[in-house]
């Protein structure tokens, strides 16, 4: 989509929402970002480029669980974080819903095995992953794929940086990792290797390793027009990045306090994705995963598969001992806002530049 077409689309949708009495008056919206990560920065892009009339008060928590607690308590209205938490909001009965999938991990996350370790030999060995995080899921799913159940290994609760030393010393046999820690281990320990990552087709199509946008239910109920405008602003911010990628990557680097080069190694420089980083779903792709727009999603993800991805995540949290019961996955999501945008004629199909 060229910029002229993008602006025409934005104008048309703005008119469709502004024509009725329900159009949102300017409001202050408290937005949370769970960690400093480019995929969560599109509302900041919208804010800085005046793509919404609302005052977006954006806080980077650097504490995913702390941000979820703030959202559940109504201290913030909107929250960007990983989708793997969705089953837990249902289990805990919080006033929170997942309103849209934003982007899958596209090769950021890896499982690294030590030299001379064969996957089938891992039973009884130590493996590391941060508990209750996507690395925990990735390790569990990969072990299952090679015929090893979660209770057949000894789990060590380590983040990627913390696992470097134990991997080099031989104390652990497999670890969840991402860059720059992968390169450090592979360089210092010849024979270490990646056995699976989130760009693998079978992993991608699960939709489990996904970032999402959450909202407080009371915010949606009491200020639905504002919630709708904020969701639209997030997609408009994405569209702006697609058309002005270098400028926007610089903006994100300043916002997140990252080196500018590192932004490109996560989100890319082509306005769509970076293999080894993340893949930014456009509105149409996300709406299809919600089941509110016809057509299939990317990477083999079926129409309406968002609920299935949440259910699979719940299944894995039970297998891994983090949850003890099956929840109704549909209660963790609310695609009605995406549906309202689609019904009003909002469309966005973005390609790499």
C-alpha atoms as a PDB file:
ATOM      1  CA  UNK A   1       0.000   0.000   0.000  1.00  0.00           C
ATOM      2  CA  UNK A   2       1.454   3.406  -0.945  1.00  0.00           C
ATOM      3  CA  UNK A   3       1.245   6.383   1.394  1.00  0.00           C
ATOM      4  CA  UNK A   4      -1.505   8.031  -0.648  1.00  0.00           C
ATOM      5  CA  UNK A   5      -3.645   4.926  -0.353  1.00  0.00           C
ATOM      6  CA  UNK A   6      -2.853   4.612   3.352  1.00  0.00           C
ATOM      7  CA  UNK A   7      -3.959   8.198   4.023  1.00  0.00           C
ATOM      8  CA  UNK A   8      -7.141   7.756   2.011  1.00  0.00           C
ATOM      9  CA  UNK A   9      -7.983   4.626   3.986  1.00  0.00           C
ATOM     10  CA  UNK A  10      -7.290   6.339   7.295  1.00  0.00           C
ATOM     11  CA  UNK A  11      -9.452   9.286   6.293  1.00  0.00           C
ATOM     12  CA  UNK A  12     -12.319   7.064   5.181  1.00  0.00           C
ATOM     13  CA  UNK A  13     -12.326   5.121   8.416  1.00  0.00           C
ATOM     14  CA  UNK A  14     -12.032   8.313  10.465  1.00  0.00           C
ATOM     15  CA  UNK A  15     -15.100   9.644   8.690  1.00  0.00           C
ATOM     16  CA  UNK A  16     -17.044   6.454   9.334  1.00  0.00           C
ATOM     17  CA  UNK A  17     -16.316   6.690  13.053  1.00  0.00           C
ATOM     18  CA  UNK A  18     -16.763  10.433  13.278  1.00  0.00           C
ATOM     19  CA  UNK A  19     -20.138  10.602  11.579  1.00  0.00           C
ATOM     20  CA  UNK A  20     -22.227   9.321  14.482  1.00  0.00           C
ATOM     21  CA  UNK A  21     -23.004  10.630  17.942  1.00  0.00           C
ATOM     22  CA  UNK A  22     -20.841   7.888  19.473  1.00  0.00           C
ATOM     23  CA  UNK A  23     -17.578   9.362  18.165  1.00  0.00           C
ATOM     24  CA  UNK A  24     -15.059   9.508  21.005  1.00  0.00           C
ATOM     25  CA  UNK A  25     -14.194  12.827  22.617  1.00  0.00           C
ATOM     26  CA  UNK A  26     -10.541  13.347  23.484  1.00  0.00           C
ATOM     27  CA  UNK A  27      -9.628  11.382  26.592  1.00  0.00           C
ATOM     28  CA  UNK A  28      -6.578  10.312  28.579  1.00  0.00           C
ATOM     29  CA  UNK A  29      -5.776   6.630  28.145  1.00  0.00           C
ATOM     30  CA  UNK A  30      -3.225   4.873  30.342  1.00  0.00           C
ATOM     31  CA  UNK A  31      -1.207   2.400  28.287  1.00  0.00           C
ATOM     32  CA  UNK A  32       1.269  -0.154  29.591  1.00  0.00           C
ATOM     33  CA  UNK A  33       4.144  -1.851  27.799  1.00  0.00           C
ATOM     34  CA  UNK A  34       5.414  -4.951  29.603  1.00  0.00           C
ATOM     35  CA  UNK A  35       9.071  -4.623  28.518  1.00  0.00           C
ATOM     36  CA  UNK A  36      11.180  -2.415  26.255  1.00  0.00           C
ATOM     37  CA  UNK A  37      10.499  -4.150  22.945  1.00  0.00           C
ATOM     38  CA  UNK A  38       9.903  -2.710  19.454  1.00  0.00           C
ATOM     39  CA  UNK A  39       6.753  -4.729  18.833  1.00  0.00           C
ATOM     40  CA  UNK A  40       4.998  -2.897  21.661  1.00  0.00           C
ATOM     41  CA  UNK A  41       5.917   0.600  20.470  1.00  0.00           C
ATOM     42  CA  UNK A  42       3.258   1.288  17.829  1.00  0.00           C
ATOM     43  CA  UNK A  43       0.999   3.279  20.133  1.00  0.00           C
ATOM     44  CA  UNK A  44       3.992   5.522  20.877  1.00  0.00           C
ATOM     45  CA  UNK A  45       4.406   5.905  17.107  1.00  0.00           C
ATOM     46  CA  UNK A  46       0.744   6.893  16.910  1.00  0.00           C
ATOM     47  CA  UNK A  47       1.117   9.317  19.822  1.00  0.00           C
ATOM     48  CA  UNK A  48       4.164  11.102  18.427  1.00  0.00           C
ATOM     49  CA  UNK A  49       2.655  11.391  14.950  1.00  0.00           C
ATOM     50  CA  UNK A  50      -0.749  12.663  16.118  1.00  0.00           C
ATOM     51  CA  UNK A  51      -2.589   9.613  14.776  1.00  0.00           C
ATOM     52  CA  UNK A  52      -5.076   9.787  17.644  1.00  0.00           C
ATOM     53  CA  UNK A  53      -6.800  12.654  19.380  1.00  0.00           C
ATOM     54  CA  UNK A  54      -6.471  10.897  22.730  1.00  0.00           C
ATOM     55  CA  UNK A  55      -3.708  11.585  25.225  1.00  0.00           C
ATOM     56  CA  UNK A  56      -1.832   8.288  25.460  1.00  0.00           C
ATOM     57  CA  UNK A  57       0.013   8.086  28.771  1.00  0.00           C
ATOM     58  CA  UNK A  58       2.474   5.247  28.077  1.00  0.00           C
ATOM     59  CA  UNK A  59       4.467   3.436  30.782  1.00  0.00           C
ATOM     60  CA  UNK A  60       7.150   0.805  30.182  1.00  0.00           C
ATOM     61  CA  UNK A  61       6.931  -1.569  33.140  1.00  0.00           C
ATOM     62  CA  UNK A  62       9.974  -3.812  32.570  1.00  0.00           C
ATOM     63  CA  UNK A  63       7.900  -6.214  34.657  1.00  0.00           C
ATOM     64  CA  UNK A  64       5.313  -8.263  32.722  1.00  0.00           C
ATOM     65  CA  UNK A  65       3.480  -9.552  35.802  1.00  0.00           C
ATOM     66  CA  UNK A  66       3.480  -6.111  37.395  1.00  0.00           C
ATOM     67  CA  UNK A  67       1.897  -4.682  34.268  1.00  0.00           C
ATOM     68  CA  UNK A  68      -0.748  -7.398  34.219  1.00  0.00           C
ATOM     69  CA  UNK A  69      -1.565  -6.632  37.852  1.00  0.00           C
ATOM     70  CA  UNK A  70      -1.922  -2.932  37.034  1.00  0.00           C
ATOM     71  CA  UNK A  71      -4.239  -3.730  34.121  1.00  0.00           C
ATOM     72  CA  UNK A  72      -6.393  -6.064  36.227  1.00  0.00           C
ATOM     73  CA  UNK A  73      -6.668  -3.368  38.921  1.00  0.00           C
ATOM     74  CA  UNK A  74      -7.736  -0.725  36.390  1.00  0.00           C
ATOM     75  CA  UNK A  75      -4.601   1.352  36.943  1.00  0.00           C
ATOM     76  CA  UNK A  76      -3.959   1.148  33.204  1.00  0.00           C
ATOM     77  CA  UNK A  77      -6.470   0.649  30.393  1.00  0.00           C
ATOM     78  CA  UNK A  78      -4.419  -0.991  27.639  1.00  0.00           C
ATOM     79  CA  UNK A  79      -1.415  -3.311  27.832  1.00  0.00           C
ATOM     80  CA  UNK A  80       0.970  -4.824  25.302  1.00  0.00           C
ATOM     81  CA  UNK A  81       2.553  -8.104  26.350  1.00  0.00           C
ATOM     82  CA  UNK A  82       2.943 -11.760  25.361  1.00  0.00           C
ATOM     83  CA  UNK A  83      -0.176 -13.769  24.561  1.00  0.00           C
ATOM     84  CA  UNK A  84       0.889 -16.730  26.694  1.00  0.00           C
ATOM     85  CA  UNK A  85      -0.621 -15.010  29.747  1.00  0.00           C
ATOM     86  CA  UNK A  86      -4.153 -15.128  28.298  1.00  0.00           C
ATOM     87  CA  UNK A  87      -5.178 -18.460  29.904  1.00  0.00           C
ATOM     88  CA  UNK A  88      -4.083 -17.115  33.289  1.00  0.00           C
ATOM     89  CA  UNK A  89      -6.382 -14.078  33.095  1.00  0.00           C
ATOM     90  CA  UNK A  90      -9.295 -16.486  32.633  1.00  0.00           C
ATOM     91  CA  UNK A  91      -8.140 -18.791  35.418  1.00  0.00           C
ATOM     92  CA  UNK A  92      -7.778 -15.863  37.818  1.00  0.00           C
ATOM     93  CA  UNK A  93     -11.055 -14.225  36.821  1.00  0.00           C
ATOM     94  CA  UNK A  94      -9.537 -10.804  36.190  1.00  0.00           C
ATOM     95  CA  UNK A  95     -11.321  -8.013  34.305  1.00  0.00           C
ATOM     96  CA  UNK A  96      -8.963  -8.323  31.347  1.00  0.00           C
ATOM     97  CA  UNK A  97      -9.290  -9.562  27.759  1.00  0.00           C
ATOM     98  CA  UNK A  98      -6.936 -10.087  24.851  1.00  0.00           C
ATOM     99  CA  UNK A  99      -8.336  -7.936  22.025  1.00  0.00           C
ATOM    100  CA  UNK A 100      -5.849  -8.686  19.217  1.00  0.00           C
ATOM    101  CA  UNK A 101      -2.789 -10.666  18.258  1.00  0.00           C
ATOM    102  CA  UNK A 102       0.016  -8.289  17.194  1.00  0.00           C
ATOM    103  CA  UNK A 103       3.004 -10.305  16.019  1.00  0.00           C
ATOM    104  CA  UNK A 104       4.465 -13.782  16.258  1.00  0.00           C
ATOM    105  CA  UNK A 105       8.051 -14.411  17.226  1.00  0.00           C
ATOM    106  CA  UNK A 106       9.791 -15.047  13.896  1.00  0.00           C
ATOM    107  CA  UNK A 107      12.985 -16.726  15.021  1.00  0.00           C
ATOM    108  CA  UNK A 108      13.911 -14.684  18.106  1.00  0.00           C
ATOM    109  CA  UNK A 109      13.528 -17.615  20.467  1.00  0.00           C
ATOM    110  CA  UNK A 110      15.715 -20.752  20.298  1.00  0.00           C
ATOM    111  CA  UNK A 111      16.510 -23.940  22.155  1.00  0.00           C
ATOM    112  CA  UNK A 112      20.278 -24.524  22.260  1.00  0.00           C
ATOM    113  CA  UNK A 113      21.752 -27.924  23.119  1.00  0.00           C
ATOM    114  CA  UNK A 114      25.248 -28.590  24.404  1.00  0.00           C
ATOM    115  CA  UNK A 115      27.929 -30.337  22.321  1.00  0.00           C
ATOM    116  CA  UNK A 116      27.525 -34.079  21.854  1.00  0.00           C
ATOM    117  CA  UNK A 117      24.031 -33.975  23.357  1.00  0.00           C
ATOM    118  CA  UNK A 118      21.429 -35.772  21.286  1.00  0.00           C
ATOM    119  CA  UNK A 119      17.816 -34.759  21.902  1.00  0.00           C
ATOM    120  CA  UNK A 120      16.707 -38.290  22.710  1.00  0.00           C
ATOM    121  CA  UNK A 121      19.334 -38.455  25.479  1.00  0.00           C
ATOM    122  CA  UNK A 122      17.949 -35.513  27.473  1.00  0.00           C
ATOM    123  CA  UNK A 123      15.786 -37.590  29.813  1.00  0.00           C
ATOM    124  CA  UNK A 124      17.189 -37.158  33.308  1.00  0.00           C
ATOM    125  CA  UNK A 125      19.320 -34.155  32.291  1.00  0.00           C
ATOM    126  CA  UNK A 126      19.048 -30.494  33.321  1.00  0.00           C
ATOM    127  CA  UNK A 127      17.340 -28.057  30.940  1.00  0.00           C
ATOM    128  CA  UNK A 128      16.823 -24.356  31.550  1.00  0.00           C
ATOM    129  CA  UNK A 129      14.078 -21.888  30.711  1.00  0.00           C
ATOM    130  CA  UNK A 130      12.476 -18.958  32.533  1.00  0.00           C
ATOM    131  CA  UNK A 131       9.424 -20.368  34.301  1.00  0.00           C
ATOM    132  CA  UNK A 132       5.998 -19.203  33.113  1.00  0.00           C
ATOM    133  CA  UNK A 133       7.449 -17.481  30.050  1.00  0.00           C
ATOM    134  CA  UNK A 134       7.503 -18.315  26.340  1.00  0.00           C
ATOM    135  CA  UNK A 135      10.847 -20.070  26.760  1.00  0.00           C
ATOM    136  CA  UNK A 136       9.178 -22.497  29.160  1.00  0.00           C
ATOM    137  CA  UNK A 137       6.571 -23.256  26.491  1.00  0.00           C
ATOM    138  CA  UNK A 138       9.110 -23.581  23.684  1.00  0.00           C
ATOM    139  CA  UNK A 139      11.257 -26.002  25.681  1.00  0.00           C
ATOM    140  CA  UNK A 140       8.237 -28.091  26.653  1.00  0.00           C
ATOM    141  CA  UNK A 141       6.852 -28.269  23.124  1.00  0.00           C
ATOM    142  CA  UNK A 142      10.242 -29.162  21.668  1.00  0.00           C
ATOM    143  CA  UNK A 143      10.889 -31.871  24.277  1.00  0.00           C
ATOM    144  CA  UNK A 144       7.477 -33.344  23.502  1.00  0.00           C
ATOM    145  CA  UNK A 145       8.339 -33.387  19.784  1.00  0.00           C
ATOM    146  CA  UNK A 146      11.355 -35.610  20.519  1.00  0.00           C
ATOM    147  CA  UNK A 147       9.403 -37.918  22.799  1.00  0.00           C
ATOM    148  CA  UNK A 148      10.373 -36.532  26.205  1.00  0.00           C
ATOM    149  CA  UNK A 149       7.713 -35.470  28.714  1.00  0.00           C
ATOM    150  CA  UNK A 150       8.233 -32.450  31.007  1.00  0.00           C
ATOM    151  CA  UNK A 151       8.624 -34.644  34.090  1.00  0.00           C
ATOM    152  CA  UNK A 152      11.495 -36.600  32.527  1.00  0.00           C
ATOM    153  CA  UNK A 153      13.948 -33.682  32.751  1.00  0.00           C
ATOM    154  CA  UNK A 154      15.230 -31.534  35.600  1.00  0.00           C
ATOM    155  CA  UNK A 155      14.059 -27.953  35.059  1.00  0.00           C
ATOM    156  CA  UNK A 156      16.291 -25.026  36.018  1.00  0.00           C
ATOM    157  CA  UNK A 157      14.623 -21.594  36.141  1.00  0.00           C
ATOM    158  CA  UNK A 158      17.080 -19.365  34.233  1.00  0.00           C
ATOM    159  CA  UNK A 159      16.760 -16.442  31.854  1.00  0.00           C
ATOM    160  CA  UNK A 160      18.792 -16.580  28.640  1.00  0.00           C
ATOM    161  CA  UNK A 161      21.681 -14.496  29.992  1.00  0.00           C
ATOM    162  CA  UNK A 162      21.821 -16.549  33.190  1.00  0.00           C
ATOM    163  CA  UNK A 163      22.062 -19.804  31.211  1.00  0.00           C
ATOM    164  CA  UNK A 164      25.306 -18.904  29.414  1.00  0.00           C
ATOM    165  CA  UNK A 165      27.633 -19.915  32.262  1.00  0.00           C
ATOM    166  CA  UNK A 166      25.911 -23.240  33.030  1.00  0.00           C
ATOM    167  CA  UNK A 167      25.828 -24.095  29.317  1.00  0.00           C
ATOM    168  CA  UNK A 168      29.565 -23.430  28.973  1.00  0.00           C
ATOM    169  CA  UNK A 169      30.390 -25.395  32.130  1.00  0.00           C
ATOM    170  CA  UNK A 170      28.287 -28.352  31.041  1.00  0.00           C
ATOM    171  CA  UNK A 171      25.962 -28.074  34.029  1.00  0.00           C
ATOM    172  CA  UNK A 172      22.894 -27.930  31.798  1.00  0.00           C
ATOM    173  CA  UNK A 173      22.305 -29.823  28.566  1.00  0.00           C
ATOM    174  CA  UNK A 174      19.770 -27.584  26.835  1.00  0.00           C
ATOM    175  CA  UNK A 175      18.691 -23.979  27.311  1.00  0.00           C
ATOM    176  CA  UNK A 176      16.152 -21.486  26.036  1.00  0.00           C
ATOM    177  CA  UNK A 177      18.063 -18.559  24.504  1.00  0.00           C
ATOM    178  CA  UNK A 178      17.901 -15.513  22.276  1.00  0.00           C
ATOM    179  CA  UNK A 179      20.525 -13.121  20.947  1.00  0.00           C
ATOM    180  CA  UNK A 180      23.114 -12.000  21.878  1.00  0.00           C
ATOM    181  CA  UNK A 181      23.428 -15.001  24.200  1.00  0.00           C
ATOM    182  CA  UNK A 182      23.032 -17.583  21.419  1.00  0.00           C
ATOM    183  CA  UNK A 183      26.094 -16.266  19.572  1.00  0.00           C
ATOM    184  CA  UNK A 184      28.137 -16.153  22.775  1.00  0.00           C
ATOM    185  CA  UNK A 185      27.426 -19.814  23.549  1.00  0.00           C
ATOM    186  CA  UNK A 186      27.951 -21.053  19.987  1.00  0.00           C
ATOM    187  CA  UNK A 187      31.267 -19.186  19.705  1.00  0.00           C
ATOM    188  CA  UNK A 188      32.616 -20.287  23.084  1.00  0.00           C
ATOM    189  CA  UNK A 189      31.356 -23.862  22.963  1.00  0.00           C
ATOM    190  CA  UNK A 190      31.928 -25.439  19.518  1.00  0.00           C
ATOM    191  CA  UNK A 191      29.395 -28.144  18.829  1.00  0.00           C
ATOM    192  CA  UNK A 192      26.560 -26.356  20.608  1.00  0.00           C
ATOM    193  CA  UNK A 193      23.661 -25.879  18.238  1.00  0.00           C
ATOM    194  CA  UNK A 194      20.128 -24.595  17.851  1.00  0.00           C
ATOM    195  CA  UNK A 195      17.599 -27.403  17.515  1.00  0.00           C
ATOM    196  CA  UNK A 196      14.406 -25.373  17.163  1.00  0.00           C
ATOM    197  CA  UNK A 197      13.360 -21.740  16.891  1.00  0.00           C
ATOM    198  CA  UNK A 198      10.135 -19.827  16.533  1.00  0.00           C
ATOM    199  CA  UNK A 199      10.536 -19.366  12.767  1.00  0.00           C
ATOM    200  CA  UNK A 200      10.156 -23.121  12.264  1.00  0.00           C
ATOM    201  CA  UNK A 201       6.906 -23.674  10.309  1.00  0.00           C
ATOM    202  CA  UNK A 202       5.425 -26.132  12.807  1.00  0.00           C
ATOM    203  CA  UNK A 203       6.097 -23.709  15.656  1.00  0.00           C
ATOM    204  CA  UNK A 204       4.846 -20.624  13.809  1.00  0.00           C
ATOM    205  CA  UNK A 205       1.493 -22.085  12.848  1.00  0.00           C
ATOM    206  CA  UNK A 206       0.570 -22.811  16.472  1.00  0.00           C
ATOM    207  CA  UNK A 207       0.165 -19.067  17.092  1.00  0.00           C
ATOM    208  CA  UNK A 208       1.378 -19.654  20.651  1.00  0.00           C
ATOM    209  CA  UNK A 209       4.523 -17.512  20.501  1.00  0.00           C
ATOM    210  CA  UNK A 210       2.679 -14.262  19.973  1.00  0.00           C
ATOM    211  CA  UNK A 211       2.500 -10.722  21.324  1.00  0.00           C
ATOM    212  CA  UNK A 212      -0.948  -9.360  22.065  1.00  0.00           C
ATOM    213  CA  UNK A 213      -2.888  -6.264  23.047  1.00  0.00           C
ATOM    214  CA  UNK A 214      -4.899  -6.549  26.256  1.00  0.00           C
ATOM    215  CA  UNK A 215      -7.555  -4.189  27.583  1.00  0.00           C
ATOM    216  CA  UNK A 216      -9.378  -3.820  30.870  1.00  0.00           C
ATOM    217  CA  UNK A 217     -12.997  -4.972  30.454  1.00  0.00           C
ATOM    218  CA  UNK A 218     -14.366  -1.979  32.357  1.00  0.00           C
ATOM    219  CA  UNK A 219     -12.484   0.388  30.046  1.00  0.00           C
ATOM    220  CA  UNK A 220     -14.105  -1.305  27.042  1.00  0.00           C
ATOM    221  CA  UNK A 221     -17.557  -1.276  28.645  1.00  0.00           C
ATOM    222  CA  UNK A 222     -17.463   2.303  29.920  1.00  0.00           C
ATOM    223  CA  UNK A 223     -15.485   3.920  27.077  1.00  0.00           C
ATOM    224  CA  UNK A 224     -15.971   1.618  24.123  1.00  0.00           C
ATOM    225  CA  UNK A 225     -15.606   4.422  21.597  1.00  0.00           C
ATOM    226  CA  UNK A 226     -12.242   5.379  23.120  1.00  0.00           C
ATOM    227  CA  UNK A 227     -11.109   1.744  23.214  1.00  0.00           C
ATOM    228  CA  UNK A 228     -12.015   1.417  19.548  1.00  0.00           C
ATOM    229  CA  UNK A 229     -10.103   4.573  18.640  1.00  0.00           C
ATOM    230  CA  UNK A 230      -7.022   3.419  20.557  1.00  0.00           C
ATOM    231  CA  UNK A 231      -7.074   0.044  18.806  1.00  0.00           C
ATOM    232  CA  UNK A 232      -7.372   1.800  15.447  1.00  0.00           C
ATOM    233  CA  UNK A 233      -4.489   4.120  16.401  1.00  0.00           C
ATOM    234  CA  UNK A 234      -2.300   1.099  17.057  1.00  0.00           C
ATOM    235  CA  UNK A 235      -2.858  -0.160  13.496  1.00  0.00           C
ATOM    236  CA  UNK A 236      -2.412   3.358  12.115  1.00  0.00           C
ATOM    237  CA  UNK A 237       0.932   3.529  13.937  1.00  0.00           C
ATOM    238  CA  UNK A 238       1.921   0.254  12.299  1.00  0.00           C
ATOM    239  CA  UNK A 239       0.951   1.632   8.897  1.00  0.00           C
ATOM    240  CA  UNK A 240       3.033   4.747   9.520  1.00  0.00           C
ATOM    241  CA  UNK A 241       6.040   2.561  10.385  1.00  0.00           C
ATOM    242  CA  UNK A 242       5.541   0.557   7.183  1.00  0.00           C
ATOM    243  CA  UNK A 243       5.716   3.729   5.090  1.00  0.00           C
ATOM    244  CA  UNK A 244       8.377   5.562   7.138  1.00  0.00           C
ATOM    245  CA  UNK A 245      10.483   2.734   8.497  1.00  0.00           C
ATOM    246  CA  UNK A 246      13.882   4.382   9.013  1.00  0.00           C
ATOM    247  CA  UNK A 247      12.361   7.443  10.687  1.00  0.00           C
ATOM    248  CA  UNK A 248      10.124   5.304  12.884  1.00  0.00           C
ATOM    249  CA  UNK A 249      12.894   2.903  13.893  1.00  0.00           C
ATOM    250  CA  UNK A 250      14.820   5.953  15.123  1.00  0.00           C
ATOM    251  CA  UNK A 251      11.737   7.087  17.065  1.00  0.00           C
ATOM    252  CA  UNK A 252      11.418   3.638  18.651  1.00  0.00           C
ATOM    253  CA  UNK A 253      15.111   3.575  19.574  1.00  0.00           C
ATOM    254  CA  UNK A 254      14.692   6.869  21.437  1.00  0.00           C
ATOM    255  CA  UNK A 255      11.497   5.704  23.141  1.00  0.00           C
ATOM    256  CA  UNK A 256      12.916   2.343  24.231  1.00  0.00           C
ATOM    257  CA  UNK A 257      16.455   3.647  24.898  1.00  0.00           C
ATOM    258  CA  UNK A 258      17.909   1.076  22.506  1.00  0.00           C
ATOM    259  CA  UNK A 259      20.747   1.451  19.990  1.00  0.00           C
ATOM    260  CA  UNK A 260      19.049   2.226  16.685  1.00  0.00           C
ATOM    261  CA  UNK A 261      20.761  -0.691  14.923  1.00  0.00           C
ATOM    262  CA  UNK A 262      19.272  -3.145  17.417  1.00  0.00           C
ATOM    263  CA  UNK A 263      15.728  -2.079  16.513  1.00  0.00           C
ATOM    264  CA  UNK A 264      16.256  -3.356  12.972  1.00  0.00           C
ATOM    265  CA  UNK A 265      17.531  -6.695  14.252  1.00  0.00           C
ATOM    266  CA  UNK A 266      14.198  -7.267  15.981  1.00  0.00           C
ATOM    267  CA  UNK A 267      11.527  -5.619  13.879  1.00  0.00           C
ATOM    268  CA  UNK A 268      13.386  -5.212  10.595  1.00  0.00           C
ATOM    269  CA  UNK A 269      14.032  -2.346   8.213  1.00  0.00           C
ATOM    270  CA  UNK A 270      11.531  -3.288   5.500  1.00  0.00           C
ATOM    271  CA  UNK A 271       8.345  -2.230   7.278  1.00  0.00           C
ATOM    272  CA  UNK A 272       7.076  -5.766   7.833  1.00  0.00           C
ATOM    273  CA  UNK A 273       9.381  -8.281   9.524  1.00  0.00           C
ATOM    274  CA  UNK A 274      12.847  -9.588  10.304  1.00  0.00           C
ATOM    275  CA  UNK A 275      13.581 -13.310  10.176  1.00  0.00           C
ATOM    276  CA  UNK A 276      15.374 -13.930  13.429  1.00  0.00           C
ATOM    277  CA  UNK A 277      13.180 -11.242  14.979  1.00  0.00           C
ATOM    278  CA  UNK A 278       9.437 -10.672  14.734  1.00  0.00           C
ATOM    279  CA  UNK A 279       6.771 -10.556  12.019  1.00  0.00           C
ATOM    280  CA  UNK A 280       4.302  -7.672  12.311  1.00  0.00           C
ATOM    281  CA  UNK A 281       0.757  -8.767  11.572  1.00  0.00           C
ATOM    282  CA  UNK A 282      -1.200  -6.132   9.683  1.00  0.00           C
ATOM    283  CA  UNK A 283      -4.823  -5.429  10.602  1.00  0.00           C
ATOM    284  CA  UNK A 284      -6.220  -7.846   8.024  1.00  0.00           C
ATOM    285  CA  UNK A 285      -4.007 -10.707   9.224  1.00  0.00           C
ATOM    286  CA  UNK A 286      -4.887 -10.108  12.863  1.00  0.00           C
ATOM    287  CA  UNK A 287      -8.590  -9.769  12.044  1.00  0.00           C
ATOM    288  CA  UNK A 288      -8.510 -13.127  10.267  1.00  0.00           C
ATOM    289  CA  UNK A 289      -6.959 -14.776  13.314  1.00  0.00           C
ATOM    290  CA  UNK A 290      -9.787 -13.220  15.332  1.00  0.00           C
ATOM    291  CA  UNK A 291     -12.270 -14.626  12.831  1.00  0.00           C
ATOM    292  CA  UNK A 292     -13.847 -11.254  11.985  1.00  0.00           C
ATOM    293  CA  UNK A 293     -12.523 -10.990   8.407  1.00  0.00           C
ATOM    294  CA  UNK A 294     -12.638 -13.626   5.687  1.00  0.00           C
ATOM    295  CA  UNK A 295      -9.472 -15.412   4.650  1.00  0.00           C
ATOM    296  CA  UNK A 296      -6.686 -17.423   6.212  1.00  0.00           C
ATOM    297  CA  UNK A 297      -3.956 -16.046   8.440  1.00  0.00           C
ATOM    298  CA  UNK A 298      -0.231 -16.182   7.666  1.00  0.00           C
ATOM    299  CA  UNK A 299       2.058 -19.179   8.224  1.00  0.00           C
ATOM    300  CA  UNK A 300      -0.728 -21.743   8.049  1.00  0.00           C
ATOM    301  CA  UNK A 301      -2.760 -20.147  10.846  1.00  0.00           C
ATOM    302  CA  UNK A 302      -6.453 -20.786  10.237  1.00  0.00           C
ATOM    303  CA  UNK A 303      -9.208 -18.192  10.259  1.00  0.00           C
ATOM    304  CA  UNK A 304     -10.434 -17.760  13.824  1.00  0.00           C
ATOM    305  CA  UNK A 305      -7.460 -19.673  15.239  1.00  0.00           C
ATOM    306  CA  UNK A 306      -6.755 -17.146  18.000  1.00  0.00           C
ATOM    307  CA  UNK A 307      -9.020 -19.098  20.351  1.00  0.00           C
ATOM    308  CA  UNK A 308      -7.264 -22.348  19.439  1.00  0.00           C
ATOM    309  CA  UNK A 309      -3.844 -20.818  20.143  1.00  0.00           C
ATOM    310  CA  UNK A 310      -5.032 -19.721  23.586  1.00  0.00           C
ATOM    311  CA  UNK A 311      -6.457 -23.197  24.233  1.00  0.00           C
ATOM    312  CA  UNK A 312      -3.167 -24.829  23.202  1.00  0.00           C
ATOM    313  CA  UNK A 313      -1.274 -22.488  25.515  1.00  0.00           C
ATOM    314  CA  UNK A 314      -3.578 -23.494  28.369  1.00  0.00           C
ATOM    315  CA  UNK A 315      -2.996 -27.167  27.545  1.00  0.00           C
ATOM    316  CA  UNK A 316       0.757 -26.644  27.724  1.00  0.00           C
ATOM    317  CA  UNK A 317       0.631 -24.671  30.961  1.00  0.00           C
ATOM    318  CA  UNK A 318      -1.231 -27.633  32.484  1.00  0.00           C
ATOM    319  CA  UNK A 319       1.363 -30.094  31.144  1.00  0.00           C
ATOM    320  CA  UNK A 320       4.151 -27.921  32.529  1.00  0.00           C
ATOM    321  CA  UNK A 321       2.487 -27.637  35.934  1.00  0.00           C
ATOM    322  CA  UNK A 322       1.821 -23.901  35.835  1.00  0.00           C
ATOM    323  CA  UNK A 323      -1.966 -24.378  35.668  1.00  0.00           C
ATOM    324  CA  UNK A 324      -4.094 -27.215  36.992  1.00  0.00           C
ATOM    325  CA  UNK A 325      -7.269 -26.949  34.933  1.00  0.00           C
ATOM    326  CA  UNK A 326      -8.619 -26.364  31.448  1.00  0.00           C
ATOM    327  CA  UNK A 327     -10.243 -22.970  30.914  1.00  0.00           C
ATOM    328  CA  UNK A 328     -12.708 -21.674  28.315  1.00  0.00           C
ATOM    329  CA  UNK A 329     -10.260 -19.978  25.947  1.00  0.00           C
ATOM    330  CA  UNK A 330     -12.989 -17.789  24.427  1.00  0.00           C
ATOM    331  CA  UNK A 331     -13.401 -16.019  27.780  1.00  0.00           C
ATOM    332  CA  UNK A 332      -9.855 -14.697  27.510  1.00  0.00           C
ATOM    333  CA  UNK A 333     -10.443 -12.782  24.289  1.00  0.00           C
ATOM    334  CA  UNK A 334     -12.765 -10.138  22.893  1.00  0.00           C
ATOM    335  CA  UNK A 335     -12.550  -9.727  19.128  1.00  0.00           C
ATOM    336  CA  UNK A 336     -15.598  -7.461  18.976  1.00  0.00           C
ATOM    337  CA  UNK A 337     -13.462  -4.306  18.694  1.00  0.00           C
ATOM    338  CA  UNK A 338     -11.553  -5.776  15.756  1.00  0.00           C
ATOM    339  CA  UNK A 339     -14.926  -6.799  14.349  1.00  0.00           C
ATOM    340  CA  UNK A 340     -16.291  -3.266  14.673  1.00  0.00           C
ATOM    341  CA  UNK A 341     -13.283  -1.865  12.818  1.00  0.00           C
ATOM    342  CA  UNK A 342     -13.659  -4.453  10.066  1.00  0.00           C
ATOM    343  CA  UNK A 343     -17.394  -3.823   9.770  1.00  0.00           C
ATOM    344  CA  UNK A 344     -16.741  -0.067   9.475  1.00  0.00           C
ATOM    345  CA  UNK A 345     -14.500  -0.762   6.485  1.00  0.00           C
ATOM    346  CA  UNK A 346     -11.046  -0.565   8.053  1.00  0.00           C
ATOM    347  CA  UNK A 347      -8.519  -2.572   6.061  1.00  0.00           C
ATOM    348  CA  UNK A 348      -4.740  -2.804   6.145  1.00  0.00           C
ATOM    349  CA  UNK A 349      -2.590  -5.176   4.110  1.00  0.00           C
ATOM    350  CA  UNK A 350       1.107  -4.360   4.441  1.00  0.00           C
ATOM    351  CA  UNK A 351       4.014  -5.795   2.487  1.00  0.00           C
ATOM    352  CA  UNK A 352       7.766  -5.460   2.889  1.00  0.00           C
ATOM    353  CA  UNK A 353       9.296  -2.425   1.196  1.00  0.00           C
END
